[in-house]
Protein backbone atom coordinates (compact mmCIF):
# COMPACT_ATOMS: atom_id res chain seq x y z
CA UNK A 1 0.00 0.00 0.00
CA UNK A 2 1.39 3.37 -0.94
CA UNK A 3 1.48 5.81 1.94
CA UNK A 4 0.38 9.15 0.53
CA UNK A 5 0.56 10.64 4.03
CA UNK A 6 4.34 10.38 4.10
CA UNK A 7 5.16 11.92 0.71
CA UNK A 8 5.54 15.55 -0.28
CA UNK A 9 5.03 18.47 2.09
CA UNK A 10 4.53 17.82 5.78
CA UNK A 11 0.89 17.67 6.78
CA UNK A 12 -0.14 20.73 8.71
CA UNK A 13 -2.64 21.06 11.50
CA UNK A 14 -6.26 21.60 10.56
CA UNK A 15 -9.13 22.45 12.82
CA UNK A 16 -10.99 20.10 15.11
CA UNK A 17 -12.70 17.27 13.24
CA UNK A 18 -14.39 14.10 14.35
CA UNK A 19 -13.58 10.59 13.20
CA UNK A 20 -15.55 7.63 11.95
CA UNK A 21 -14.16 4.16 12.46
CA UNK A 22 -14.09 1.70 9.53
CA UNK A 23 -16.76 -0.56 11.04
CA UNK A 24 -19.20 2.35 11.38
CA UNK A 25 -18.54 3.44 7.78
CA UNK A 26 -19.06 -0.13 6.61
CA UNK A 27 -22.36 -0.28 8.50
CA UNK A 28 -23.60 2.82 6.68
CA UNK A 29 -22.55 1.39 3.32
CA UNK A 30 -24.10 -2.02 3.99
CA UNK A 31 -27.38 -0.36 4.99
CA UNK A 32 -27.11 1.53 1.68
CA UNK A 33 -27.32 4.88 3.42
CA UNK A 34 -26.03 7.67 1.17
CA UNK A 35 -22.28 8.05 1.79
CA UNK A 36 -20.11 10.79 0.30
CA UNK A 37 -16.36 10.21 0.45
CA UNK A 38 -13.54 12.61 -0.31
CA UNK A 39 -10.35 10.62 -0.92
CA UNK A 40 -7.32 12.88 -0.47
CA UNK A 41 -4.62 10.41 -1.51
CA UNK A 42 -2.58 11.10 -4.63
CA UNK A 43 -4.54 10.33 -7.78
CA UNK A 44 -2.48 7.24 -8.69
CA UNK A 45 -3.33 5.55 -5.39
CA UNK A 46 -6.99 6.53 -5.72
CA UNK A 47 -7.22 5.10 -9.24
CA UNK A 48 -5.67 1.82 -8.10
CA UNK A 49 -7.89 1.14 -5.09
CA UNK A 50 -10.72 2.94 -3.31
CA UNK A 51 -13.83 2.38 -1.22
CA UNK A 52 -16.92 1.38 -3.18
CA UNK A 53 -20.52 0.47 -2.59
CA UNK A 54 -23.95 0.78 -4.18
CA UNK A 55 -24.75 3.99 -2.24
CA UNK A 56 -21.24 5.51 -2.24
CA UNK A 57 -20.30 8.68 -4.08
CA UNK A 58 -16.55 9.18 -4.02
CA UNK A 59 -14.28 11.87 -5.42
CA UNK A 60 -10.55 12.48 -5.39
CA UNK A 61 -8.94 15.74 -4.31
CA UNK A 62 -5.32 15.27 -3.15
CA UNK A 63 -4.53 16.77 0.21
CA UNK A 64 -1.74 18.82 -1.36
CA UNK A 65 -4.50 21.10 -2.63
CA UNK A 66 -5.33 22.03 0.98
CA UNK A 67 -1.72 22.88 1.69
CA UNK A 68 -1.18 24.93 -1.44
CA UNK A 69 -4.55 26.74 -1.54
CA UNK A 70 -6.86 25.69 1.26
CA UNK A 71 -9.59 28.23 0.48
CA UNK A 72 -10.00 27.06 -3.13
CA UNK A 73 -9.76 23.42 -2.10
CA UNK A 74 -12.48 23.84 0.52
CA UNK A 75 -14.75 25.53 -2.03
CA UNK A 76 -14.23 22.63 -4.46
CA UNK A 77 -14.94 19.90 -1.90
CA UNK A 78 -18.24 17.99 -2.17
CA UNK A 79 -20.95 18.21 0.47
CA UNK A 80 -21.66 15.29 2.76
CA UNK A 81 -23.83 14.30 5.70
CA UNK A 82 -21.16 14.13 6.95
CA UNK A 83 -18.43 14.17 4.32
CA UNK A 84 -16.06 11.26 5.05
CA UNK A 85 -12.44 12.19 4.31
CA UNK A 86 -10.07 9.32 3.56
CA UNK A 87 -6.30 9.00 3.15
CA UNK A 88 -3.75 6.20 3.55
CA UNK A 89 -3.38 6.11 7.33
CA UNK A 90 -5.60 8.85 8.75
CA UNK A 91 -3.23 11.77 9.23
CA UNK A 92 -3.79 13.71 6.01
CA UNK A 93 -7.54 13.09 6.13
CA UNK A 94 -7.70 14.44 9.68
CA UNK A 95 -5.93 17.58 8.49
CA UNK A 96 -8.30 18.05 5.55
CA UNK A 97 -11.41 17.28 7.63
CA UNK A 98 -10.21 19.91 10.10
CA UNK A 99 -9.89 22.51 7.34
CA UNK A 100 -13.39 21.69 6.12
CA UNK A 101 -14.79 21.85 9.65
CA UNK A 102 -13.13 25.25 10.22
CA UNK A 103 -14.94 26.48 7.12
CA UNK A 104 -18.31 25.35 8.49
CA UNK A 105 -18.60 22.04 6.62
CA UNK A 106 -19.67 18.80 8.26
CA UNK A 107 -16.71 16.48 7.81
CA UNK A 108 -15.14 13.50 9.58
CA UNK A 109 -11.91 11.60 9.02
CA UNK A 110 -11.82 7.82 8.50
CA UNK A 111 -9.90 6.45 11.47
CA UNK A 112 -6.61 4.88 10.35
CA UNK A 113 -7.49 5.59 6.74
CA UNK A 114 -7.27 2.90 4.09
CA UNK A 115 -4.98 0.93 6.39
CA UNK A 116 -7.89 0.58 8.81
CA UNK A 117 -10.26 -0.20 5.96
CA UNK A 118 -7.93 -2.97 4.74
CA UNK A 119 -7.94 -4.61 8.17
CA UNK A 120 -11.73 -4.59 8.53
CA UNK A 121 -13.22 -8.11 8.46
CA UNK A 122 -16.92 -8.50 9.16
CA UNK A 123 -18.88 -11.68 9.81
CA UNK A 124 -22.58 -12.50 9.72
CA UNK A 125 -24.49 -15.73 10.30
CA UNK A 126 -26.39 -16.96 7.26
CA UNK A 127 -30.03 -16.97 8.43
CA UNK A 128 -31.11 -19.32 5.65
CA UNK A 129 -29.03 -22.17 7.04
CA UNK A 130 -31.13 -24.24 9.43
CA UNK A 131 -28.32 -26.42 10.70
CA UNK A 132 -27.47 -28.43 12.54
CA UNK A 133 -24.85 -25.84 13.26
CA UNK A 134 -23.95 -22.42 11.93
CA UNK A 135 -22.50 -20.93 8.74
CA UNK A 136 -20.69 -17.59 9.01
CA UNK A 137 -20.06 -15.41 5.97
CA UNK A 138 -16.96 -13.22 6.26
CA UNK A 139 -16.65 -10.09 4.16
CA UNK A 140 -13.51 -8.05 3.64
CA UNK A 141 -14.88 -4.74 2.32
CA UNK A 142 -11.44 -3.62 1.12
CA UNK A 143 -11.30 -6.38 -1.49
CA UNK A 144 -14.79 -7.85 -1.65
CA UNK A 145 -13.54 -11.30 -0.64
CA UNK A 146 -16.06 -13.62 1.02
CA UNK A 147 -15.07 -16.61 3.15
CA UNK A 148 -17.14 -19.05 5.20
CA UNK A 149 -16.94 -20.86 8.53
CA UNK A 150 -19.07 -23.97 9.06
CA UNK A 151 -19.47 -24.93 12.72
CA UNK A 152 -21.28 -28.01 14.03
CA UNK A 153 -21.00 -30.19 17.14
CA UNK A 154 -17.54 -29.07 18.23
CA UNK A 155 -15.95 -29.05 14.77
CA UNK A 156 -15.39 -26.26 12.24
CA UNK A 157 -14.25 -25.86 8.65
CA UNK A 158 -13.24 -22.64 6.92
CA UNK A 159 -13.79 -22.32 3.17
CA UNK A 160 -11.58 -19.97 1.16
CA UNK A 161 -9.63 -18.58 4.14
CA UNK A 162 -7.48 -15.46 3.74
CA UNK A 163 -3.98 -15.70 5.13
CA UNK A 164 -4.28 -12.29 6.76
CA UNK A 165 -7.13 -13.49 8.99
CA UNK A 166 -6.20 -17.07 9.90
CA UNK A 167 -6.24 -16.30 13.63
CA UNK A 168 -9.77 -14.95 13.30
CA UNK A 169 -11.16 -18.26 12.07
CA UNK A 170 -9.65 -20.15 14.99
CA UNK A 171 -11.02 -17.64 17.48
CA UNK A 172 -14.50 -17.60 16.00
CA UNK A 173 -14.60 -21.41 16.04
CA UNK A 174 -13.41 -21.44 19.65
CA UNK A 175 -16.04 -18.85 20.60
CA UNK A 176 -18.62 -21.34 19.35
CA UNK A 177 -17.13 -24.25 21.25
CA UNK A 178 -15.43 -25.81 18.24
CA UNK A 179 -11.95 -26.68 17.00
CA UNK A 180 -10.94 -25.66 13.50
CA UNK A 181 -10.46 -29.02 11.78
CA UNK A 182 -10.46 -28.18 8.05
CA UNK A 183 -9.26 -25.38 5.75
CA UNK A 184 -10.78 -25.82 2.30
CA UNK A 185 -10.14 -23.92 -0.93
CA UNK A 186 -12.60 -23.78 -3.82
CA UNK A 187 -9.78 -23.24 -6.34
CA UNK A 188 -6.43 -21.54 -6.85
CA UNK A 189 -7.24 -17.90 -6.18
CA UNK A 190 -5.94 -15.05 -8.31
CA UNK A 191 -6.96 -12.12 -6.11
CA UNK A 192 -5.87 -13.03 -2.57
CA UNK A 193 -3.28 -15.17 -0.83
CA UNK A 194 -4.95 -18.27 0.57
CA UNK A 195 -4.72 -19.11 4.25
CA UNK A 196 -5.26 -22.81 3.54
CA UNK A 197 -1.56 -23.66 3.40
CA UNK A 198 -0.60 -21.68 6.47
CA UNK A 199 -3.44 -23.24 8.48
CA UNK A 200 -2.34 -26.68 7.29
CA UNK A 201 1.13 -25.97 8.69
CA UNK A 202 -0.45 -25.68 12.15
CA UNK A 203 -2.20 -29.04 12.05
CA UNK A 204 -5.48 -28.10 10.40
CA UNK A 205 -6.35 -30.48 7.54
CA UNK A 206 -5.84 -28.55 4.30
CA UNK A 207 -8.14 -29.58 1.47
CA UNK A 208 -7.76 -28.55 -2.16
CA UNK A 209 -9.52 -29.68 -5.37
CA UNK A 210 -7.69 -32.47 -7.16
CA UNK A 211 -7.67 -30.55 -10.44
CA UNK A 212 -5.94 -27.61 -8.73
CA UNK A 213 -3.08 -29.86 -7.64
CA UNK A 214 -2.83 -31.01 -11.28
CA UNK A 215 -1.82 -27.44 -12.22
CA UNK A 216 1.53 -28.11 -10.56
CA UNK A 217 0.71 -27.14 -6.99
CA UNK A 218 3.84 -27.54 -4.89
CA UNK A 219 3.20 -26.90 -1.19
CA UNK A 220 5.47 -28.60 1.33
CA UNK A 221 2.71 -29.24 3.85
CA UNK A 222 0.73 -32.41 3.19
CA UNK A 223 -2.70 -31.65 1.77
CA UNK A 224 -5.83 -33.70 1.15
CA UNK A 225 -7.36 -33.56 -2.32
CA UNK A 226 -11.08 -33.57 -3.04
CA UNK A 227 -12.99 -34.44 -6.19
CA UNK A 228 -16.52 -34.20 -7.49
CA UNK A 229 -18.89 -36.24 -5.33
CA UNK A 230 -16.58 -36.44 -2.31
CA UNK A 231 -17.87 -35.39 1.10
CA UNK A 232 -16.44 -33.88 4.28
CA UNK A 233 -18.16 -34.38 7.62
CA UNK A 234 -18.05 -31.41 9.98
CA UNK A 235 -19.83 -32.39 13.16
CA UNK A 236 -23.36 -33.20 12.04
CA UNK A 237 -23.08 -31.26 8.75
CA UNK A 238 -22.09 -32.84 5.45
CA UNK A 239 -20.18 -30.74 2.91
CA UNK A 240 -20.39 -32.17 -0.63
CA UNK A 241 -17.93 -31.25 -3.39
CA UNK A 242 -19.43 -30.19 -6.73
CA UNK A 243 -16.81 -29.70 -9.46
CA UNK A 244 -17.77 -26.53 -11.40
CA UNK A 245 -14.88 -25.73 -13.79
CA UNK A 246 -14.82 -22.67 -16.01
CA UNK A 247 -13.27 -19.94 -13.91
CA UNK A 248 -10.42 -22.40 -13.34
CA UNK A 249 -10.00 -26.10 -14.10
CA UNK A 250 -10.13 -26.89 -10.38
CA UNK A 251 -13.04 -24.66 -9.41
CA UNK A 252 -15.18 -26.60 -6.95
CA UNK A 253 -18.38 -25.54 -5.23
CA UNK A 254 -19.40 -26.95 -1.85
CA UNK A 255 -22.94 -27.81 -0.82
CA UNK A 256 -23.38 -27.34 2.93
CA UNK A 257 -26.27 -29.48 4.11
CA UNK A 258 -29.35 -29.07 1.94
CA UNK A 259 -29.68 -25.29 2.09
CA UNK A 260 -26.45 -23.56 1.04
CA UNK A 261 -24.20 -23.83 -2.02
CA UNK A 262 -20.81 -22.13 -1.72
CA UNK A 263 -20.03 -21.36 -5.35
CA UNK A 264 -16.58 -19.85 -4.98
CA UNK A 265 -15.83 -17.81 -8.10
CA UNK A 266 -18.33 -19.54 -10.40
CA UNK A 267 -21.41 -17.50 -9.51
CA UNK A 268 -21.91 -14.34 -7.48
CA UNK A 269 -24.92 -12.32 -6.36
CA UNK A 270 -24.68 -10.03 -9.39
CA UNK A 271 -22.30 -11.62 -11.88
CA UNK A 272 -20.64 -14.78 -13.10
CA UNK A 273 -17.00 -15.79 -13.28
CA UNK A 274 -14.47 -14.62 -15.81
CA UNK A 275 -12.84 -17.52 -17.70
CA UNK A 276 -9.42 -16.18 -18.64
CA UNK A 277 -7.25 -16.04 -15.49
CA UNK A 278 -5.97 -19.60 -15.87
CA UNK A 279 -6.83 -20.25 -19.52
CA UNK A 280 -5.52 -16.93 -20.90
CA UNK A 281 -7.02 -15.15 -23.89
CA UNK A 282 -6.62 -18.13 -26.23
CA UNK A 283 -8.21 -20.60 -23.85
CA UNK A 284 -10.96 -18.31 -22.56
CA UNK A 285 -13.64 -19.32 -25.10
CA UNK A 286 -13.38 -23.00 -24.18
CA UNK A 287 -13.27 -22.15 -20.47
CA UNK A 288 -16.39 -20.02 -20.92
CA UNK A 289 -18.16 -23.04 -22.42
CA UNK A 290 -17.10 -25.10 -19.42
CA UNK A 291 -18.47 -22.38 -17.16
CA UNK A 292 -21.78 -22.42 -19.01
CA UNK A 293 -22.05 -26.19 -18.54
CA UNK A 294 -21.13 -25.91 -14.84
CA UNK A 295 -23.73 -23.24 -14.25
CA UNK A 296 -26.53 -25.00 -16.10
CA UNK A 297 -25.90 -28.60 -15.10
CA UNK A 298 -24.30 -28.41 -11.65
CA UNK A 299 -25.33 -25.12 -10.01
CA UNK A 300 -28.71 -24.08 -11.42
CA UNK A 301 -29.82 -27.72 -11.31
CA UNK A 302 -30.15 -27.40 -7.54
CA UNK A 303 -33.51 -26.71 -5.93
CA UNK A 304 -34.75 -23.16 -6.52
CA UNK A 305 -34.66 -22.37 -2.80
CA UNK A 306 -30.99 -23.30 -2.34
CA UNK A 307 -28.98 -20.30 -1.18
CA UNK A 308 -26.02 -19.34 -3.36
CA UNK A 309 -23.11 -17.82 -1.46
CA UNK A 310 -20.22 -16.81 -3.71
CA UNK A 311 -16.56 -16.13 -3.06
CA UNK A 312 -16.72 -12.39 -3.73
CA UNK A 313 -18.80 -9.28 -3.61
CA UNK A 314 -18.49 -7.67 -7.01
CA UNK A 315 -18.55 -3.88 -7.27
CA UNK A 316 -22.13 -2.71 -6.96
CA UNK A 317 -23.47 -5.94 -5.48
CA UNK A 318 -26.07 -5.29 -2.81
CA UNK A 319 -26.56 -7.45 0.29
CA UNK A 320 -29.94 -8.89 1.13
CA UNK A 321 -32.15 -7.53 3.88
CA UNK A 322 -30.26 -9.76 6.30
CA UNK A 323 -26.94 -8.11 5.40
CA UNK A 324 -25.48 -11.20 3.71
CA UNK A 325 -24.29 -11.38 0.11
CA UNK A 326 -26.46 -14.31 -0.88
CA UNK A 327 -29.40 -15.08 -3.15
CA UNK A 328 -31.46 -18.13 -3.94
CA UNK A 329 -31.22 -20.01 -7.23
CA UNK A 330 -34.69 -18.68 -8.05
CA UNK A 331 -33.70 -15.06 -7.40
CA UNK A 332 -30.57 -15.35 -9.52
CA UNK A 333 -32.45 -16.91 -12.42
CA UNK A 334 -34.90 -13.99 -12.31
CA UNK A 335 -32.29 -11.22 -12.00
CA UNK A 336 -29.34 -12.33 -14.14
CA UNK A 337 -29.85 -12.43 -17.90
CA UNK A 338 -26.76 -14.60 -18.69
CA UNK A 339 -28.27 -17.49 -16.74
CA UNK A 340 -31.05 -17.82 -19.31
CA UNK A 341 -28.87 -17.37 -22.42
CA UNK A 342 -28.02 -20.17 -24.82
CA UNK A 343 -24.39 -21.31 -24.83
CA UNK A 344 -23.06 -19.28 -27.75
CA UNK A 345 -24.78 -16.08 -26.61
CA UNK A 346 -23.45 -16.64 -23.10
CA UNK A 347 -19.87 -17.18 -24.32
CA UNK A 348 -19.92 -14.09 -26.55
CA UNK A 349 -21.50 -12.02 -23.78
CA UNK A 350 -18.94 -12.97 -21.12
CA UNK A 351 -15.88 -12.66 -23.37
CA UNK A 352 -16.90 -9.17 -24.48
CA UNK A 353 -17.52 -7.88 -20.96
CA UNK A 354 -14.50 -8.57 -18.79
CA UNK A 355 -12.74 -5.94 -16.65
CA UNK A 356 -8.94 -5.66 -16.39
CA UNK A 357 -7.31 -8.63 -14.71
CA UNK A 358 -6.81 -8.33 -10.94
CA UNK A 359 -3.71 -6.47 -9.78
CA UNK A 360 -0.73 -8.77 -9.08
CA UNK A 361 -2.78 -11.80 -10.13
CA UNK A 362 0.18 -13.72 -11.54
CA UNK A 363 2.17 -13.23 -8.32
CA UNK A 364 -0.82 -14.30 -6.23
CA UNK A 365 -1.43 -17.41 -8.33
CA UNK A 366 2.24 -18.37 -8.02
CA UNK A 367 2.06 -17.89 -4.25
CA UNK A 368 -1.06 -20.04 -3.97
CA UNK A 369 0.46 -22.79 -6.11
CA UNK A 370 3.57 -22.75 -3.93
CA UNK A 371 5.81 -21.50 -6.76
CA UNK A 372 6.69 -18.26 -4.97
CA UNK A 373 7.26 -17.51 -1.31
CA UNK A 374 5.57 -14.40 0.05
CA UNK A 375 5.70 -13.27 3.67
CA UNK A 376 2.65 -12.03 5.55
CA UNK A 377 3.39 -8.37 4.84
CA UNK A 378 3.70 -8.93 1.10
CA UNK A 379 0.58 -11.12 1.12
CA UNK A 380 -1.37 -8.30 2.78
CA UNK A 381 -0.10 -5.72 0.27
CA UNK A 382 -0.40 -7.51 -3.08
CA UNK A 383 -4.05 -8.48 -2.67
CA UNK A 384 -5.35 -4.97 -2.03
CA UNK A 385 -7.31 -3.52 -4.90
CA UNK A 386 -10.63 -3.95 -6.71
CA UNK A 387 -11.96 -7.45 -7.17
CA UNK A 388 -11.93 -8.34 -10.86
CA UNK A 389 -12.55 -12.09 -10.77
CA UNK A 390 -16.06 -11.63 -12.12
CA UNK A 391 -17.29 -10.61 -15.52
CA UNK A 392 -18.20 -6.93 -15.34
CA UNK A 393 -21.24 -6.06 -13.25
CA UNK A 394 -23.00 -4.20 -16.03
CA UNK A 395 -22.49 -7.09 -18.40
CA UNK A 396 -24.57 -9.48 -16.39
CA UNK A 397 -27.72 -7.43 -15.93
CA UNK A 398 -30.78 -7.35 -18.14
């Protein structure tokens, strides 16, 4: 993460301004309350990575403007209720919010800036899961990543864990009277460093799709492979593997009990997977056909009331009334046009509507395959940025 607070002129002292902590800002965004953000980092950092949400209006005005000509900068600032000022670590935004407050504006600074935002990790119980046990959905607002913790009868499994938050999964399992027994990946991720391997090093059983290992996965810790039709027992809950290739050759969804289908990067609340991160441009058309088959024959074939819980929140995705990023098969069929397209239309549609590839995706893939060593600090840094593992949001609407 670039630290815009530490470059250029020293930050001066603004007036008195309040602060909003990242969790409170997230709560406003998740409720879809109108949120106006002024990001005062340098433009390059803003363009690379910023806060988003369905109700968020965000603009960029580097804090240097307030040092060089505060009066003009204040006049150019947007209005907010209050205006949330954001920088890298909270110092420059506090200065700018102070200047705005001095001028009679209502402004607050985001506590700890984007550093605090990057460390925010929220969890919610999926209300549609009737047990026995509990399923937690984790959301990292900074990247849109979604992970899951299944807890039942003293045992727990985490699906698609992030390395940055491995301690969190253990603690949440312990808080529910369970030991973390399994760390399971849906596929080889291209947008975040998996915590599966690091958890396996501590005695947790690491589980990875067999087809992912076939890509040349080389992790020193012994792992267990899983294939289509295999099952994992977590307490009284059965997790069934459903191979759903397309996004990657190893992409595997997991059905938790009868109610929930964890679809990884195959299907999201508002979009479907992109097919080119493993296959490349030349192989993307064939991978898109595989994705179509996986969606039609192995995901949408489930009962209409089954809850789909994907591996990411795409930009613009809205949570349900319960705050979770989930939808039933029925709701997705009704809201997403690509799910009712024929194969050729689907393939053309997806291939013509893909965003830029995720930042650092090749480095992240190499790390997750065990081909490159990254320490915890590098893992935290390289995965920050917009989530681009889905076909573009606008491409999947009506």
